[in-house]
């Protein structure tokens, strides 16, 4: 199964995974954050694992890895939606909404690929 992503989606995916990798290397999530999202640490490790593969447009993933990626994208979608709701800057909110649209398209592609495998 091949999953084709656009350059915008690749750039956003790289940014998302770099963000997760930075979070995994920084201080451990607070107890409140860990309680509200039990899989956070796993998703952070996923981001680092993908980045260490030199993320490219020809990334070969197994079924479990595709499902992990879908979970990570769902978590990022939730996080981005929260940021949009909390943002008071109209320009920043517009930029975040643009990222959300790209993220949703990417998530649809990954979810479809998971369903077909």
N, C-alpha and C. Protein backbone atom coordinates (compact mmCIF):
# COMPACT_ATOMS: atom_id res chain seq x y z
N UNK A 1 0.85 -1.18 0.00
CA UNK A 1 0.00 0.00 0.00
C UNK A 1 0.88 1.23 0.00
N UNK A 2 0.60 2.14 -0.88
CA UNK A 2 1.35 3.39 -0.92
C UNK A 2 0.46 4.52 -0.45
N UNK A 3 1.06 5.40 0.32
CA UNK A 3 0.37 6.56 0.85
C UNK A 3 1.06 7.79 0.27
N UNK A 4 0.35 8.52 -0.56
CA UNK A 4 0.93 9.71 -1.17
C UNK A 4 0.54 10.93 -0.35
N UNK A 5 1.55 11.71 0.02
CA UNK A 5 1.27 12.94 0.75
C UNK A 5 1.86 14.11 0.00
N UNK A 6 1.24 15.25 0.19
CA UNK A 6 1.70 16.47 -0.48
C UNK A 6 2.90 17.03 0.28
N UNK A 7 3.57 17.98 -0.35
CA UNK A 7 4.70 18.62 0.32
C UNK A 7 4.24 19.36 1.58
N UNK A 8 3.05 19.98 1.50
CA UNK A 8 2.51 20.65 2.69
C UNK A 8 2.29 19.66 3.82
N UNK A 9 1.75 18.49 3.48
CA UNK A 9 1.50 17.47 4.49
C UNK A 9 2.81 16.94 5.06
N UNK A 10 3.81 16.77 4.21
CA UNK A 10 5.12 16.31 4.68
C UNK A 10 5.74 17.34 5.62
N UNK A 11 5.65 18.61 5.25
CA UNK A 11 6.21 19.67 6.11
C UNK A 11 5.49 19.71 7.45
N UNK A 12 4.16 19.59 7.42
CA UNK A 12 3.40 19.60 8.68
C UNK A 12 3.73 18.37 9.51
N UNK A 13 3.83 17.22 8.87
CA UNK A 13 4.17 15.99 9.58
C UNK A 13 5.55 16.12 10.23
N UNK A 14 6.49 16.66 9.51
CA UNK A 14 7.83 16.87 10.07
C UNK A 14 7.76 17.80 11.27
N UNK A 15 7.00 18.89 11.14
CA UNK A 15 6.86 19.85 12.24
C UNK A 15 6.21 19.19 13.46
N UNK A 16 5.16 18.42 13.22
CA UNK A 16 4.46 17.73 14.31
C UNK A 16 5.40 16.77 15.02
N UNK A 17 6.13 15.99 14.25
CA UNK A 17 7.02 15.00 14.85
C UNK A 17 8.20 15.66 15.55
N UNK A 18 8.69 16.77 15.03
CA UNK A 18 9.76 17.49 15.71
C UNK A 18 9.26 18.05 17.04
N UNK A 19 8.03 18.55 17.04
CA UNK A 19 7.43 19.06 18.27
C UNK A 19 7.31 17.95 19.31
N UNK A 20 6.85 16.78 18.87
CA UNK A 20 6.73 15.65 19.78
C UNK A 20 8.10 15.20 20.29
N UNK A 21 9.09 15.21 19.41
CA UNK A 21 10.43 14.81 19.81
C UNK A 21 11.00 15.78 20.84
N UNK A 22 10.77 17.09 20.63
CA UNK A 22 11.23 18.09 21.62
C UNK A 22 10.56 17.87 22.96
N UNK A 23 9.26 17.58 22.92
CA UNK A 23 8.52 17.35 24.17
C UNK A 23 9.06 16.12 24.90
N UNK A 24 9.43 15.09 24.15
CA UNK A 24 9.91 13.87 24.79
C UNK A 24 11.27 14.08 25.44
N UNK A 25 12.06 15.02 24.89
CA UNK A 25 13.38 15.28 25.47
C UNK A 25 13.34 16.29 26.59
N UNK A 26 12.26 17.06 26.68
CA UNK A 26 12.14 18.04 27.75
C UNK A 26 11.62 17.35 29.00
N UNK A 27 11.23 18.13 29.96
CA UNK A 27 10.73 17.57 31.22
C UNK A 27 9.57 16.62 30.97
N UNK A 28 9.45 15.64 31.84
CA UNK A 28 8.37 14.66 31.74
C UNK A 28 7.03 15.37 31.86
N UNK A 29 5.99 14.86 31.22
CA UNK A 29 4.68 15.48 31.32
C UNK A 29 4.22 15.55 32.77
N UNK A 30 3.48 16.60 33.08
CA UNK A 30 2.97 16.74 34.44
C UNK A 30 2.01 15.60 34.76
N UNK A 31 1.78 15.38 36.03
CA UNK A 31 0.89 14.28 36.42
C UNK A 31 -0.52 14.52 35.91
N UNK A 32 -0.95 15.78 35.87
CA UNK A 32 -2.28 16.09 35.34
C UNK A 32 -2.34 15.75 33.85
N UNK A 33 -1.30 16.11 33.11
CA UNK A 33 -1.26 15.84 31.68
C UNK A 33 -1.20 14.33 31.43
N UNK A 34 -0.40 13.62 32.21
CA UNK A 34 -0.28 12.18 32.03
C UNK A 34 -1.58 11.47 32.38
N UNK A 35 -2.29 11.99 33.39
CA UNK A 35 -3.56 11.40 33.78
C UNK A 35 -4.61 11.63 32.70
N UNK A 36 -4.65 12.83 32.12
CA UNK A 36 -5.68 13.14 31.13
C UNK A 36 -5.41 12.45 29.80
N UNK A 37 -4.16 12.06 29.54
CA UNK A 37 -3.83 11.42 28.27
C UNK A 37 -2.77 10.35 28.51
N UNK A 38 -3.23 9.16 28.83
CA UNK A 38 -2.33 8.08 29.23
C UNK A 38 -1.34 7.68 28.15
N UNK A 39 -1.66 7.86 26.88
CA UNK A 39 -0.78 7.45 25.79
C UNK A 39 0.19 8.52 25.35
N UNK A 40 0.26 9.63 26.07
CA UNK A 40 1.12 10.74 25.65
C UNK A 40 2.57 10.32 25.49
N UNK A 41 3.13 9.64 26.47
CA UNK A 41 4.53 9.26 26.39
C UNK A 41 4.80 8.37 25.18
N UNK A 42 3.89 7.44 24.87
CA UNK A 42 4.06 6.59 23.69
C UNK A 42 4.08 7.42 22.42
N UNK A 43 3.18 8.39 22.30
CA UNK A 43 3.13 9.22 21.10
C UNK A 43 4.40 10.05 20.96
N UNK A 44 4.92 10.53 22.07
CA UNK A 44 6.15 11.31 22.01
C UNK A 44 7.30 10.46 21.51
N UNK A 45 7.34 9.21 21.93
CA UNK A 45 8.40 8.31 21.47
C UNK A 45 8.22 7.98 19.99
N UNK A 46 6.99 7.90 19.53
CA UNK A 46 6.71 7.65 18.12
C UNK A 46 7.30 8.76 17.27
N UNK A 47 7.08 10.01 17.69
CA UNK A 47 7.60 11.14 16.93
C UNK A 47 9.10 11.07 16.77
N UNK A 48 9.80 10.75 17.84
CA UNK A 48 11.25 10.63 17.77
C UNK A 48 11.69 9.50 16.87
N UNK A 49 10.96 8.38 16.92
CA UNK A 49 11.31 7.22 16.09
C UNK A 49 11.18 7.55 14.61
N UNK A 50 10.12 8.25 14.22
CA UNK A 50 9.94 8.62 12.82
C UNK A 50 11.03 9.60 12.37
N UNK A 51 11.37 10.55 13.22
CA UNK A 51 12.38 11.53 12.84
C UNK A 51 13.74 10.87 12.66
N UNK A 52 14.05 9.87 13.47
CA UNK A 52 15.35 9.20 13.34
C UNK A 52 15.45 8.42 12.03
N UNK A 53 14.34 8.19 11.38
CA UNK A 53 14.35 7.51 10.08
C UNK A 53 14.60 8.48 8.94
N UNK A 54 14.92 9.71 9.24
CA UNK A 54 15.10 10.73 8.20
C UNK A 54 13.84 10.83 7.35
N UNK A 55 12.81 11.33 7.97
CA UNK A 55 11.50 11.44 7.36
C UNK A 55 11.59 11.94 5.92
N UNK A 56 11.03 11.18 5.02
CA UNK A 56 11.04 11.55 3.61
C UNK A 56 9.70 11.17 3.02
N UNK A 57 9.55 11.46 1.75
CA UNK A 57 8.29 11.13 1.10
C UNK A 57 8.20 9.64 0.80
N UNK A 58 9.25 8.89 1.04
CA UNK A 58 9.25 7.46 0.81
C UNK A 58 9.50 6.74 2.14
N UNK A 59 8.61 6.92 3.07
CA UNK A 59 8.73 6.34 4.40
C UNK A 59 7.94 5.03 4.42
N UNK A 60 8.62 3.93 4.68
CA UNK A 60 7.97 2.62 4.69
C UNK A 60 7.61 2.26 6.13
N UNK A 61 6.31 2.06 6.36
CA UNK A 61 5.82 1.78 7.70
C UNK A 61 5.05 0.47 7.73
N UNK A 62 5.14 -0.22 8.84
CA UNK A 62 4.35 -1.41 9.05
C UNK A 62 2.96 -1.03 9.54
N UNK A 63 2.11 -2.02 9.69
CA UNK A 63 0.73 -1.79 10.12
C UNK A 63 0.69 -1.11 11.49
N UNK A 64 1.45 -1.63 12.43
CA UNK A 64 1.46 -1.05 13.77
C UNK A 64 1.96 0.39 13.75
N UNK A 65 2.97 0.65 12.94
CA UNK A 65 3.52 2.00 12.85
C UNK A 65 2.51 2.96 12.23
N UNK A 66 1.74 2.49 11.24
CA UNK A 66 0.71 3.33 10.64
C UNK A 66 -0.37 3.66 11.68
N UNK A 67 -0.74 2.68 12.48
CA UNK A 67 -1.74 2.92 13.52
C UNK A 67 -1.19 3.88 14.57
N UNK A 68 0.08 3.74 14.93
CA UNK A 68 0.71 4.67 15.87
C UNK A 68 0.73 6.08 15.30
N UNK A 69 1.03 6.19 14.02
CA UNK A 69 1.05 7.49 13.36
C UNK A 69 -0.35 8.10 13.37
N UNK A 70 -1.37 7.31 13.09
CA UNK A 70 -2.75 7.80 13.13
C UNK A 70 -3.10 8.30 14.52
N UNK A 71 -2.72 7.55 15.54
CA UNK A 71 -2.97 7.98 16.93
C UNK A 71 -2.27 9.29 17.23
N UNK A 72 -1.05 9.41 16.79
CA UNK A 72 -0.28 10.63 17.02
C UNK A 72 -0.93 11.82 16.31
N UNK A 73 -1.39 11.61 15.09
CA UNK A 73 -2.05 12.69 14.35
C UNK A 73 -3.38 13.08 15.01
N UNK A 74 -4.10 12.11 15.54
CA UNK A 74 -5.35 12.42 16.25
C UNK A 74 -5.07 13.27 17.49
N UNK A 75 -3.99 12.91 18.20
CA UNK A 75 -3.61 13.68 19.39
C UNK A 75 -3.23 15.10 18.99
N UNK A 76 -2.48 15.24 17.89
CA UNK A 76 -2.08 16.57 17.42
C UNK A 76 -3.29 17.38 16.98
N UNK A 77 -4.27 16.73 16.38
CA UNK A 77 -5.49 17.42 15.96
C UNK A 77 -6.20 17.98 17.18
N UNK A 78 -6.29 17.18 18.23
CA UNK A 78 -6.93 17.63 19.47
C UNK A 78 -6.17 18.82 20.07
N UNK A 79 -4.85 18.71 20.07
CA UNK A 79 -4.01 19.79 20.61
C UNK A 79 -4.17 21.06 19.78
N UNK A 80 -4.16 20.93 18.47
CA UNK A 80 -4.29 22.08 17.58
C UNK A 80 -5.66 22.73 17.72
N UNK A 81 -6.70 21.93 17.86
CA UNK A 81 -8.05 22.47 18.05
C UNK A 81 -8.13 23.28 19.35
N UNK A 82 -7.49 22.79 20.39
CA UNK A 82 -7.45 23.51 21.66
C UNK A 82 -6.71 24.83 21.49
N UNK A 83 -5.58 24.82 20.78
CA UNK A 83 -4.82 26.04 20.54
C UNK A 83 -5.65 27.06 19.77
N UNK A 84 -6.43 26.60 18.80
CA UNK A 84 -7.27 27.50 18.02
C UNK A 84 -8.31 28.16 18.93
N UNK A 85 -8.93 27.38 19.80
CA UNK A 85 -9.94 27.90 20.71
C UNK A 85 -9.36 28.91 21.69
N UNK A 86 -8.12 28.70 22.09
CA UNK A 86 -7.50 29.57 23.09
C UNK A 86 -6.82 30.79 22.49
N UNK A 87 -6.57 30.78 21.21
CA UNK A 87 -5.86 31.89 20.57
C UNK A 87 -6.76 33.11 20.46
N UNK A 88 -6.19 34.25 20.80
CA UNK A 88 -6.92 35.51 20.69
C UNK A 88 -6.42 36.35 19.51
N UNK A 89 -5.31 35.96 18.94
CA UNK A 89 -4.73 36.67 17.80
C UNK A 89 -5.37 36.15 16.51
N UNK A 90 -6.07 37.01 15.77
CA UNK A 90 -6.75 36.55 14.55
C UNK A 90 -5.81 35.94 13.51
N UNK A 91 -4.63 36.52 13.34
CA UNK A 91 -3.68 35.97 12.35
C UNK A 91 -3.18 34.60 12.79
N UNK A 92 -2.83 34.48 14.06
CA UNK A 92 -2.36 33.18 14.57
C UNK A 92 -3.47 32.14 14.46
N UNK A 93 -4.70 32.54 14.76
CA UNK A 93 -5.83 31.61 14.67
C UNK A 93 -6.03 31.15 13.23
N UNK A 94 -5.88 32.06 12.27
CA UNK A 94 -6.01 31.71 10.86
C UNK A 94 -4.92 30.73 10.44
N UNK A 95 -3.68 30.98 10.88
CA UNK A 95 -2.57 30.07 10.58
C UNK A 95 -2.81 28.68 11.17
N UNK A 96 -3.30 28.65 12.40
CA UNK A 96 -3.58 27.38 13.06
C UNK A 96 -4.70 26.62 12.34
N UNK A 97 -5.70 27.35 11.88
CA UNK A 97 -6.80 26.71 11.13
C UNK A 97 -6.29 26.12 9.82
N UNK A 98 -5.35 26.82 9.17
CA UNK A 98 -4.75 26.28 7.95
C UNK A 98 -4.00 24.98 8.22
N UNK A 99 -3.25 24.96 9.32
CA UNK A 99 -2.54 23.74 9.71
C UNK A 99 -3.53 22.61 10.01
N UNK A 100 -4.63 22.97 10.65
CA UNK A 100 -5.63 21.97 11.00
C UNK A 100 -6.22 21.32 9.75
N UNK A 101 -6.48 22.11 8.72
CA UNK A 101 -7.02 21.56 7.47
C UNK A 101 -6.03 20.56 6.86
N UNK A 102 -4.76 20.93 6.82
CA UNK A 102 -3.73 20.03 6.27
C UNK A 102 -3.64 18.77 7.13
N UNK A 103 -3.64 18.95 8.44
CA UNK A 103 -3.56 17.81 9.35
C UNK A 103 -4.74 16.87 9.18
N UNK A 104 -5.93 17.42 9.01
CA UNK A 104 -7.11 16.58 8.82
C UNK A 104 -7.01 15.77 7.52
N UNK A 105 -6.51 16.40 6.45
CA UNK A 105 -6.34 15.67 5.19
C UNK A 105 -5.33 14.53 5.36
N UNK A 106 -4.23 14.83 6.04
CA UNK A 106 -3.21 13.81 6.28
C UNK A 106 -3.77 12.68 7.14
N UNK A 107 -4.50 13.03 8.18
CA UNK A 107 -5.10 12.03 9.05
C UNK A 107 -6.07 11.15 8.28
N UNK A 108 -6.85 11.72 7.40
CA UNK A 108 -7.78 10.93 6.57
C UNK A 108 -7.02 9.91 5.73
N UNK A 109 -5.92 10.35 5.12
CA UNK A 109 -5.11 9.46 4.29
C UNK A 109 -4.52 8.31 5.12
N UNK A 110 -3.99 8.64 6.28
CA UNK A 110 -3.37 7.63 7.14
C UNK A 110 -4.44 6.66 7.65
N UNK A 111 -5.59 7.19 8.06
CA UNK A 111 -6.67 6.33 8.55
C UNK A 111 -7.17 5.40 7.44
N UNK A 112 -7.28 5.92 6.23
CA UNK A 112 -7.71 5.10 5.10
C UNK A 112 -6.68 4.00 4.81
N UNK A 113 -5.41 4.35 4.88
CA UNK A 113 -4.36 3.36 4.67
C UNK A 113 -4.40 2.27 5.73
N UNK A 114 -4.66 2.67 6.97
CA UNK A 114 -4.75 1.69 8.06
C UNK A 114 -5.93 0.74 7.82
N UNK A 115 -7.03 1.27 7.34
CA UNK A 115 -8.22 0.45 7.10
C UNK A 115 -8.01 -0.53 5.95
N UNK A 116 -7.17 -0.17 5.01
CA UNK A 116 -6.96 -1.02 3.83
C UNK A 116 -5.95 -2.12 4.06
N UNK A 117 -5.17 -2.00 5.12
CA UNK A 117 -4.13 -3.00 5.38
C UNK A 117 -4.69 -4.16 6.15
